[in-house]
Protein backbone atom coordinates (compact mmCIF):
# COMPACT_ATOMS: atom_id res chain seq x y z
CA MET A 1 86.52 122.48 63.06
CA LYS A 2 89.18 124.56 64.72
CA ALA A 3 92.61 123.18 65.62
CA LEU A 4 95.10 124.75 68.02
CA VAL A 5 98.66 123.53 68.58
CA GLU A 6 100.70 123.88 71.77
CA GLU A 7 104.42 123.10 71.89
CA VAL A 8 104.88 120.83 74.92
CA ASN A 9 108.60 120.35 74.23
CA THR A 10 110.85 119.87 71.21
CA VAL A 11 109.45 116.41 70.46
CA GLN A 12 105.79 116.70 71.51
CA ARG A 13 102.86 118.80 70.42
CA ARG A 14 99.45 119.04 72.03
CA ILE A 15 96.70 119.52 69.48
CA LYS A 16 93.37 120.84 70.70
CA VAL A 17 90.38 120.27 68.41
CA GLU A 18 87.24 122.39 68.81
CA LEU A 19 84.06 121.19 67.07
CA SER A 20 80.82 123.09 66.62
CA ALA A 21 77.46 121.93 67.90
CA GLY A 22 76.58 121.20 64.26
CA ASP A 23 79.53 118.80 63.91
CA VAL A 24 78.48 117.09 67.11
CA LYS A 25 74.84 116.79 66.02
CA ASN A 26 75.93 115.24 62.71
CA ALA A 27 77.96 112.65 64.61
CA PHE A 28 75.02 111.81 66.89
CA ASP A 29 72.72 111.48 63.86
CA SER A 30 75.23 109.17 62.16
CA VAL A 31 75.44 106.89 65.19
CA TYR A 32 71.64 106.88 65.58
CA ARG A 33 71.21 105.88 61.92
CA LYS A 34 73.64 102.97 62.33
CA LEU A 35 71.74 101.84 65.42
CA GLN A 36 68.44 102.17 63.58
CA GLN A 37 69.68 99.84 60.83
CA LYS A 38 70.77 97.17 63.32
CA ALA A 39 68.12 97.56 66.02
CA ARG A 40 65.70 94.71 66.71
CA ILE A 41 62.77 96.26 68.60
CA ASN A 42 59.52 94.50 69.38
CA GLY A 43 56.67 95.74 67.19
CA PHE A 44 58.88 96.98 64.37
CA ARG A 45 60.42 95.31 61.37
CA PRO A 46 64.26 95.07 61.48
CA GLY A 47 65.75 98.46 60.65
CA LYS A 48 62.36 100.22 60.56
CA ALA A 49 62.04 101.53 64.11
CA PRO A 50 61.29 105.29 64.14
CA MET A 51 64.20 107.58 65.00
CA ASN A 52 62.41 108.99 68.05
CA VAL A 53 62.21 105.46 69.46
CA ILE A 54 65.90 104.89 68.77
CA ARG A 55 66.79 108.18 70.47
CA LYS A 56 64.68 107.31 73.50
CA MET A 57 66.23 103.85 73.85
CA TYR A 58 69.87 104.68 73.18
CA GLY A 59 70.20 108.41 73.84
CA THR A 60 71.95 108.00 77.19
CA SER A 61 74.43 105.33 76.05
CA ILE A 62 75.88 106.41 72.72
CA ALA A 63 78.09 109.30 73.87
CA TYR A 64 81.18 107.03 73.86
CA ASP A 65 80.47 105.95 70.28
CA VAL A 66 79.93 109.55 69.23
CA ALA A 67 83.17 110.65 70.89
CA ASP A 68 85.05 107.86 69.11
CA GLN A 69 83.59 108.93 65.76
CA LEU A 70 84.38 112.59 66.33
CA VAL A 71 88.00 111.81 67.24
CA ARG A 72 88.48 109.44 64.31
CA ASN A 73 86.88 111.84 61.84
CA HIS A 74 88.66 115.01 62.95
CA LEU A 75 91.93 114.31 64.83
CA PHE A 76 94.06 113.27 61.87
CA SER A 77 92.52 115.98 59.68
CA ALA A 78 93.55 118.51 62.32
CA ILE A 79 97.07 117.04 62.50
CA GLU A 80 97.41 117.27 58.72
CA GLN A 81 95.95 120.79 58.69
CA GLN A 82 98.60 121.91 61.18
CA SER A 83 101.41 120.21 59.18
CA ILE A 84 102.39 118.00 62.11
CA ARG A 85 104.25 114.80 61.22
CA PRO A 86 103.58 112.26 64.00
CA ILE A 87 105.98 109.34 64.47
CA ALA A 88 103.47 107.26 66.46
CA ALA A 89 99.76 107.09 67.14
CA PRO A 90 98.53 110.23 68.98
CA VAL A 91 97.71 109.74 72.66
CA LEU A 92 94.25 111.04 73.52
CA GLU A 93 94.26 113.05 76.72
CA THR A 94 91.43 113.52 79.23
CA MET A 95 88.23 113.91 77.27
CA ASP A 96 84.70 114.80 78.28
CA LEU A 97 81.81 113.09 76.55
CA PRO A 98 79.96 115.09 73.88
CA LYS A 99 76.43 116.44 74.32
CA GLU A 100 74.12 116.67 71.34
CA ASP A 101 73.38 120.38 71.58
CA LYS A 102 76.83 121.59 72.65
CA ASP A 103 80.22 122.39 71.12
CA TYR A 104 82.83 119.74 71.80
CA THR A 105 86.57 119.93 72.52
CA PHE A 106 89.21 117.23 72.88
CA SER A 107 93.01 117.18 72.86
CA ALA A 108 95.77 114.70 72.00
CA LEU A 109 99.50 114.48 72.52
CA VAL A 110 101.52 113.92 69.35
CA ASP A 111 105.17 112.79 69.26
CA ILE A 112 107.34 114.23 66.49
CA LEU A 113 110.98 113.95 65.52
CA PRO A 114 113.23 116.67 66.93
CA ALA A 115 114.66 119.24 64.53
CA LEU A 116 118.28 118.13 64.49
CA LYS A 117 121.57 119.40 63.21
CA ILE A 118 124.30 117.09 64.46
CA GLU A 119 127.57 118.92 64.92
CA GLY A 120 131.11 117.67 65.29
CA TYR A 121 130.85 114.22 63.71
CA LYS A 122 133.84 114.94 61.47
CA GLY A 123 137.30 115.02 62.99
CA LEU A 124 136.55 113.13 66.21
CA ASN A 125 139.49 111.96 68.32
CA LEU A 126 139.02 108.25 68.96
CA GLU A 127 141.03 105.58 70.73
CA ALA A 128 140.79 101.83 70.29
CA PRO A 129 143.02 98.79 70.88
CA ALA A 130 145.04 97.65 67.89
CA ALA A 131 143.55 94.57 66.29
CA ASP A 132 146.81 92.65 66.58
CA VAL A 133 147.16 88.92 67.07
CA THR A 134 150.52 87.59 68.27
CA ASP A 135 151.99 84.11 68.14
CA ALA A 136 151.56 83.98 71.91
CA ASP A 137 147.81 84.58 71.48
CA VAL A 138 147.58 81.66 69.07
CA GLU A 139 149.55 79.40 71.39
CA ARG A 140 147.27 80.29 74.33
CA GLU A 141 144.28 79.29 72.26
CA LEU A 142 146.01 76.05 71.29
CA GLU A 143 146.65 75.34 74.95
CA MET A 144 142.96 75.89 75.73
CA ILE A 145 142.02 73.47 72.95
CA GLN A 146 144.55 70.99 74.30
CA ARG A 147 143.03 71.24 77.78
CA ARG A 148 139.48 70.86 76.45
CA HIS A 149 140.56 67.57 74.88
CA ALA A 150 142.37 66.42 77.99
CA LYS A 151 141.46 63.25 79.84
CA THR A 152 141.90 62.44 83.51
CA LYS A 153 142.86 59.41 85.54
CA ASP A 154 142.95 58.64 89.23
CA THR A 155 146.38 58.82 90.79
CA GLU A 156 148.05 56.03 92.75
CA GLU A 157 147.73 55.99 96.51
CA GLY A 158 150.36 58.17 98.16
CA THR A 159 150.73 60.56 95.22
CA ALA A 160 151.75 64.07 96.29
CA ALA A 161 149.61 66.88 94.85
CA GLY A 162 151.27 69.23 92.39
CA ALA A 163 151.01 70.94 89.02
CA ASN A 164 148.91 69.12 86.41
CA HIS A 165 146.70 67.67 89.15
CA ILE A 166 143.04 68.40 89.85
CA VAL A 167 142.48 68.22 93.59
CA THR A 168 139.14 68.04 95.38
CA ILE A 169 139.30 70.01 98.61
CA SER A 170 137.13 71.07 101.56
CA GLN A 171 137.89 73.91 103.94
CA THR A 172 136.60 75.50 107.14
CA ALA A 173 137.71 78.93 108.38
CA THR A 174 137.34 81.34 111.27
CA VAL A 175 138.26 85.00 111.76
CA ASP A 176 138.59 86.35 115.30
CA GLY A 177 137.19 83.04 116.53
CA GLU A 178 133.98 83.39 114.48
CA PRO A 179 133.09 81.21 111.44
CA PHE A 180 134.03 82.82 108.13
CA PRO A 181 131.59 81.47 105.48
CA GLU A 182 133.42 83.00 102.52
CA PHE A 183 136.42 80.73 103.17
CA THR A 184 134.31 77.67 103.97
CA PHE A 185 133.39 75.15 101.26
CA GLU A 186 133.01 71.44 100.59
CA SER A 187 134.34 69.13 97.85
CA VAL A 188 135.49 71.76 95.36
CA PRO A 189 137.67 70.54 92.45
CA VAL A 190 140.48 72.87 91.34
CA GLU A 191 143.58 72.55 89.19
CA LEU A 192 146.91 73.29 90.83
CA GLY A 193 149.60 75.32 89.14
CA LYS A 194 147.22 77.74 87.43
CA LYS A 195 147.05 80.38 90.17
CA TYR A 196 143.33 79.81 90.68
CA LEU A 197 143.81 79.69 94.45
CA LEU A 198 145.17 82.18 96.95
CA PRO A 199 148.97 81.72 97.24
CA GLU A 200 148.84 80.48 100.86
CA LEU A 201 146.32 77.77 99.99
CA GLU A 202 148.12 76.71 96.80
CA GLU A 203 151.38 76.39 98.72
CA ALA A 204 149.73 74.38 101.50
CA LEU A 205 148.12 71.92 99.07
CA THR A 206 151.30 71.29 97.07
CA GLY A 207 152.83 68.07 98.37
CA MET A 208 149.76 66.96 100.34
CA LYS A 209 148.30 63.49 99.78
CA ALA A 210 144.67 62.39 99.51
CA GLY A 211 143.04 62.17 102.95
CA GLU A 212 145.43 64.62 104.63
CA GLU A 213 144.42 67.79 106.47
CA LYS A 214 146.47 70.88 107.16
CA GLN A 215 146.03 74.04 109.24
CA LEU A 216 147.13 77.32 107.73
CA ASN A 217 146.68 81.07 108.06
CA ILE A 218 145.45 83.18 105.16
CA GLN A 219 145.34 86.96 105.07
CA VAL A 220 141.83 88.00 103.95
CA PRO A 221 142.13 89.78 100.56
CA GLU A 222 140.24 92.86 99.39
CA HIS A 223 137.88 91.05 97.00
CA VAL A 224 135.77 89.39 99.75
CA ASN A 225 132.20 90.56 100.30
CA ASP A 226 132.63 91.13 104.04
CA LYS A 227 134.92 94.17 103.93
CA SER A 228 135.21 94.22 107.74
CA LYS A 229 137.45 91.14 107.47
CA VAL A 230 139.88 92.54 104.89
CA GLY A 231 143.47 92.37 106.12
CA LYS A 232 142.67 90.11 109.05
CA THR A 233 144.03 86.57 109.43
CA ALA A 234 141.76 83.62 108.74
CA GLN A 235 142.57 80.36 110.53
CA CYS A 236 141.81 77.62 108.03
CA THR A 237 141.68 73.83 107.99
CA VAL A 238 141.93 72.34 104.53
CA LYS A 239 141.36 68.69 103.65
CA LEU A 240 142.56 67.17 100.38
CA GLU A 241 139.97 64.56 99.43
CA LYS A 242 141.06 63.39 96.00
CA ILE A 243 143.83 63.83 93.42
CA VAL A 244 143.24 63.34 89.68
CA GLU A 245 145.95 63.57 87.03
CA ILE A 246 145.33 65.52 83.84
CA LEU A 247 146.42 63.74 80.65
CA LEU A 248 146.99 66.33 77.93
CA PRO A 249 147.01 65.28 74.27
CA GLU A 250 149.98 66.26 72.13
CA VAL A 251 149.62 69.41 70.07
CA ASN A 252 150.01 67.89 66.62
CA ASP A 253 148.17 67.08 63.39
CA GLU A 254 146.03 64.49 65.17
CA LEU A 255 144.68 67.11 67.56
CA ALA A 256 143.97 69.36 64.56
CA LYS A 257 142.04 66.56 62.85
CA ASP A 258 139.96 66.15 66.00
CA MET A 259 139.04 69.81 65.47
CA GLY A 260 137.99 69.15 61.86
CA VAL A 261 141.02 70.57 60.04
CA ASP A 262 143.75 68.81 58.09
CA SER A 263 146.87 69.86 59.96
CA LEU A 264 148.26 71.71 62.95
CA GLU A 265 149.37 74.54 60.68
CA ALA A 266 145.83 74.87 59.31
CA LEU A 267 144.48 74.90 62.86
CA ARG A 268 146.90 77.70 63.78
CA THR A 269 145.74 79.66 60.72
CA ASN A 270 142.08 79.19 61.66
CA ILE A 271 142.79 80.30 65.22
CA ARG A 272 144.68 83.38 64.03
CA ASP A 273 141.86 84.34 61.64
CA ARG A 274 139.23 83.92 64.36
CA LEU A 275 141.23 85.93 66.89
CA LYS A 276 141.78 88.63 64.26
CA ARG A 277 138.03 88.89 63.62
CA GLN A 278 137.38 89.06 67.35
CA ALA A 279 140.01 91.76 67.80
CA GLU A 280 138.62 93.78 64.91
CA GLY A 281 135.13 93.38 66.34
CA ALA A 282 136.30 94.59 69.75
CA LYS A 283 138.06 97.55 68.15
CA ARG A 284 134.96 98.43 66.13
CA SER A 285 132.74 98.14 69.18
CA GLN A 286 134.97 100.47 71.19
CA LEU A 287 135.09 102.99 68.36
CA GLU A 288 131.29 102.98 68.02
CA THR A 289 130.85 103.44 71.77
CA ALA A 290 133.27 106.38 71.75
CA ILE A 291 131.47 107.94 68.77
CA PHE A 292 128.07 107.81 70.47
CA ASP A 293 129.49 109.01 73.78
CA GLN A 294 131.12 112.05 72.19
CA LEU A 295 128.24 112.96 69.87
CA SER A 296 125.65 112.51 72.62
CA ALA A 297 127.65 114.80 74.90
CA SER A 298 128.08 117.50 72.25
CA ASN A 299 124.57 117.30 70.77
CA ASN A 300 121.91 117.60 73.44
CA PHE A 301 118.35 116.93 72.31
CA GLU A 302 115.17 115.29 73.54
CA VAL A 303 113.96 111.89 72.34
CA PRO A 304 110.26 111.24 71.62
CA PRO A 305 108.79 109.07 74.41
CA SER A 306 107.00 106.84 71.89
CA MET A 307 110.33 106.12 70.19
CA VAL A 308 111.83 105.06 73.51
CA ASP A 309 108.84 102.77 74.12
CA GLN A 310 109.32 101.19 70.70
CA VAL A 311 112.96 100.48 71.52
CA ILE A 312 111.96 98.96 74.87
CA ASP A 313 109.52 96.66 73.06
CA SER A 314 112.26 95.60 70.64
CA MET A 315 114.60 94.89 73.57
CA PHE A 316 111.99 92.57 75.07
CA ASP A 317 111.62 90.91 71.65
CA GLU A 318 115.36 90.19 71.66
CA MET A 319 115.24 88.58 75.11
CA GLU A 320 114.72 84.90 75.82
CA PHE A 321 111.43 84.01 77.53
CA GLN A 322 109.90 80.61 78.24
CA ASN A 323 106.74 81.57 76.36
CA ASP A 324 104.91 84.49 74.75
CA ALA A 325 102.81 85.04 77.86
CA GLN A 326 105.94 85.85 79.89
CA ARG A 327 107.17 88.22 77.19
CA LYS A 328 103.80 89.97 77.10
CA ALA A 329 103.77 90.29 80.89
CA ALA A 330 107.28 91.76 80.88
CA LYS A 331 106.31 94.31 78.24
CA ALA A 332 103.30 95.34 80.34
CA SER A 333 105.32 95.68 83.57
CA GLU A 334 106.09 99.31 84.42
CA ASP A 335 108.96 98.24 86.67
CA GLU A 336 110.54 96.18 83.88
CA ARG A 337 110.11 98.99 81.36
CA LYS A 338 111.60 101.50 83.79
CA ARG A 339 114.64 99.26 84.20
CA LEU A 340 115.32 99.41 80.45
CA ARG A 341 114.33 103.03 79.83
CA ASP A 342 117.76 104.70 80.12
CA THR A 343 119.38 102.18 77.80
CA ALA A 344 116.49 102.41 75.35
CA LYS A 345 116.64 106.21 75.39
CA GLN A 346 120.34 106.12 74.51
CA ARG A 347 119.72 103.62 71.71
CA ALA A 348 116.98 105.85 70.32
CA LYS A 349 119.28 108.86 70.55
CA ASN A 350 122.01 106.94 68.71
CA THR A 351 119.53 106.11 65.94
CA LEU A 352 118.54 109.77 65.56
CA ILE A 353 122.20 110.83 65.45
CA LEU A 354 123.00 108.33 62.70
CA SER A 355 119.82 109.20 60.78
CA GLU A 356 120.83 112.86 60.71
CA ILE A 357 124.37 112.00 59.54
CA ILE A 358 122.90 109.79 56.81
CA LYS A 359 120.69 112.67 55.67
CA SER A 360 123.43 115.30 55.87
CA GLU A 361 125.94 113.20 53.93
CA SER A 362 123.42 111.66 51.51
CA ILE A 363 124.58 108.16 52.46
CA GLN A 364 122.80 105.40 50.55
CA VAL A 365 122.80 101.62 50.24
CA ASN A 366 122.68 100.27 46.71
CA ASP A 367 122.22 96.69 45.53
CA GLU A 368 125.98 96.19 45.16
CA ASP A 369 126.51 97.27 48.79
CA PHE A 370 123.81 94.87 49.96
CA ASP A 371 125.20 91.97 47.94
CA SER A 372 128.68 92.54 49.37
CA TYR A 373 127.23 92.75 52.88
CA VAL A 374 125.42 89.42 52.49
CA LYS A 375 128.46 87.72 50.96
CA GLU A 376 130.61 88.95 53.85
CA LEU A 377 128.12 87.58 56.37
CA VAL A 378 127.92 84.20 54.65
CA GLY A 379 131.51 83.85 53.45
CA GLY A 380 133.11 85.07 56.67
CA ALA A 381 136.81 85.79 56.39
CA ASP A 382 137.07 84.29 52.89
CA ALA A 383 135.99 87.30 50.84
CA SER A 384 137.07 85.58 47.61
CA LYS A 385 134.63 82.73 48.09
CA GLU A 386 132.14 82.57 45.24
CA LEU A 387 128.51 82.31 46.34
CA ASP A 388 125.58 81.21 44.22
CA SER A 389 123.55 84.26 43.16
CA LYS A 390 120.27 82.48 43.96
CA LEU A 391 121.54 81.74 47.46
CA VAL A 392 122.47 85.41 47.92
CA ASP A 393 119.02 86.54 46.71
CA SER A 394 117.32 84.05 49.02
CA ILE A 395 119.31 85.26 52.02
CA LYS A 396 118.58 88.89 51.17
CA ALA A 397 114.86 88.16 50.98
CA SER A 398 114.89 86.34 54.33
CA MET A 399 116.75 89.17 56.07
CA GLY A 400 113.90 91.62 55.56
CA PRO A 401 113.92 95.44 55.28
CA HIS A 402 115.76 95.97 58.56
CA ALA A 403 118.93 94.54 57.02
CA ARG A 404 119.26 97.48 54.64
CA GLU A 405 118.69 99.88 57.53
CA SER A 406 121.41 98.15 59.56
CA LEU A 407 123.81 98.41 56.62
CA LEU A 408 122.90 102.08 56.19
CA PHE A 409 123.75 102.75 59.84
CA LYS A 410 127.00 100.79 59.42
CA LYS A 411 127.96 102.97 56.46
CA ALA A 412 127.24 106.08 58.52
CA LEU A 413 129.55 104.84 61.27
CA ASP A 414 132.16 103.95 58.63
CA PHE A 415 131.96 107.55 57.42
CA VAL A 416 132.50 108.95 60.93
CA ILE A 417 135.43 106.59 61.58
CA ASP A 418 137.02 107.37 58.19
CA ASN A 419 136.85 111.08 59.03
CA ALA A 420 138.17 110.67 62.59
CA LYS A 421 141.64 110.65 64.05
CA VAL A 422 141.96 107.12 65.41
CA THR A 423 144.75 106.41 67.87
CA GLU A 424 145.51 102.73 68.37
CA THR A 425 146.41 101.70 71.90
CA PRO A 426 148.43 98.54 72.68
CA ALA A 427 146.24 95.45 72.53
CA HIS A 428 148.45 93.56 75.00
CA THR A 429 149.80 94.59 78.37
């Protein structure tokens, strides 16, 4: 056997395997012997048919089996001989069928990891919003809770529409004498006083009563789909069909108890803690995005195609499908895979960047790290909460090996952030 290696690019090698006629003959003989043992031929006892009979019967049809045996017996030996470290199964390229009295050659494409040296991951300049939570943020959340618990009641006849009312409205509109569908709708409920509507429409509806109609002009804003109408005047007819009053509950301990906590103060604390976690998560997400953007721009390297395909498969596994057949069909669709390829390539590149940082900095995850990670996931914001050790072990076992890998990547990102200059931008405008 002779093996030759060609460098296709930094992440792929083509290995060409040349086999002698003797190697080929041995493979043919091996396949013939297996056929002889299984053959059931009239006039001969099972497994006792002469070899010349076997050759005559099967000689024209076993080339595929012989080729398969030659590839299986020699490809991985050739890869090992050439010190190639594949990261996925080799892809067999165009291959002729072997002939019993001839030398035989085949080739395969092998994906390998790129030789990396990630530069510039220490001392990055990063920006992220400050993870601040103000009293105003908490009060806005309380107001949203209050509105979610609100009730409604029909208003008395003759009530004038205003703030704290939900009105059901219909509207027709024309521009330059032609119907304007974007300003035409039927029986749409909307709350007044919250600036959900264009100012002209909100003003027109305020003070109207159920059953009334009004004509008004509205200047077409920039956010419409039909850009040819922007800036023009729409002639509108709006009808107010119904007025409903919103009954808001008081913001007090009773509302807090409806939310499952003992008091309004406890509810405010819970809201603040949740908003703080969300803000910290948003800050972390922005920092990670900036890290990958900067390191990808300053470290240009190719990504093995098989690695990208693996990421695409994992992306499909994360998606919701009605059944496994739909998921399988999506994975097999070239159009669907093409749609995800750029994102998958970037994810694969991010993984390679972090892997190299982990190797360069000798970052590890020990049992204490993993325990703390699990306790943080289960205990949430209450880091002091004691958790049963058996529960922790059970959760660790259920999380599988990928959990340690995720924690390892997290520690690598922690390292980059700790060694970066992080500028906090205002969280509120």
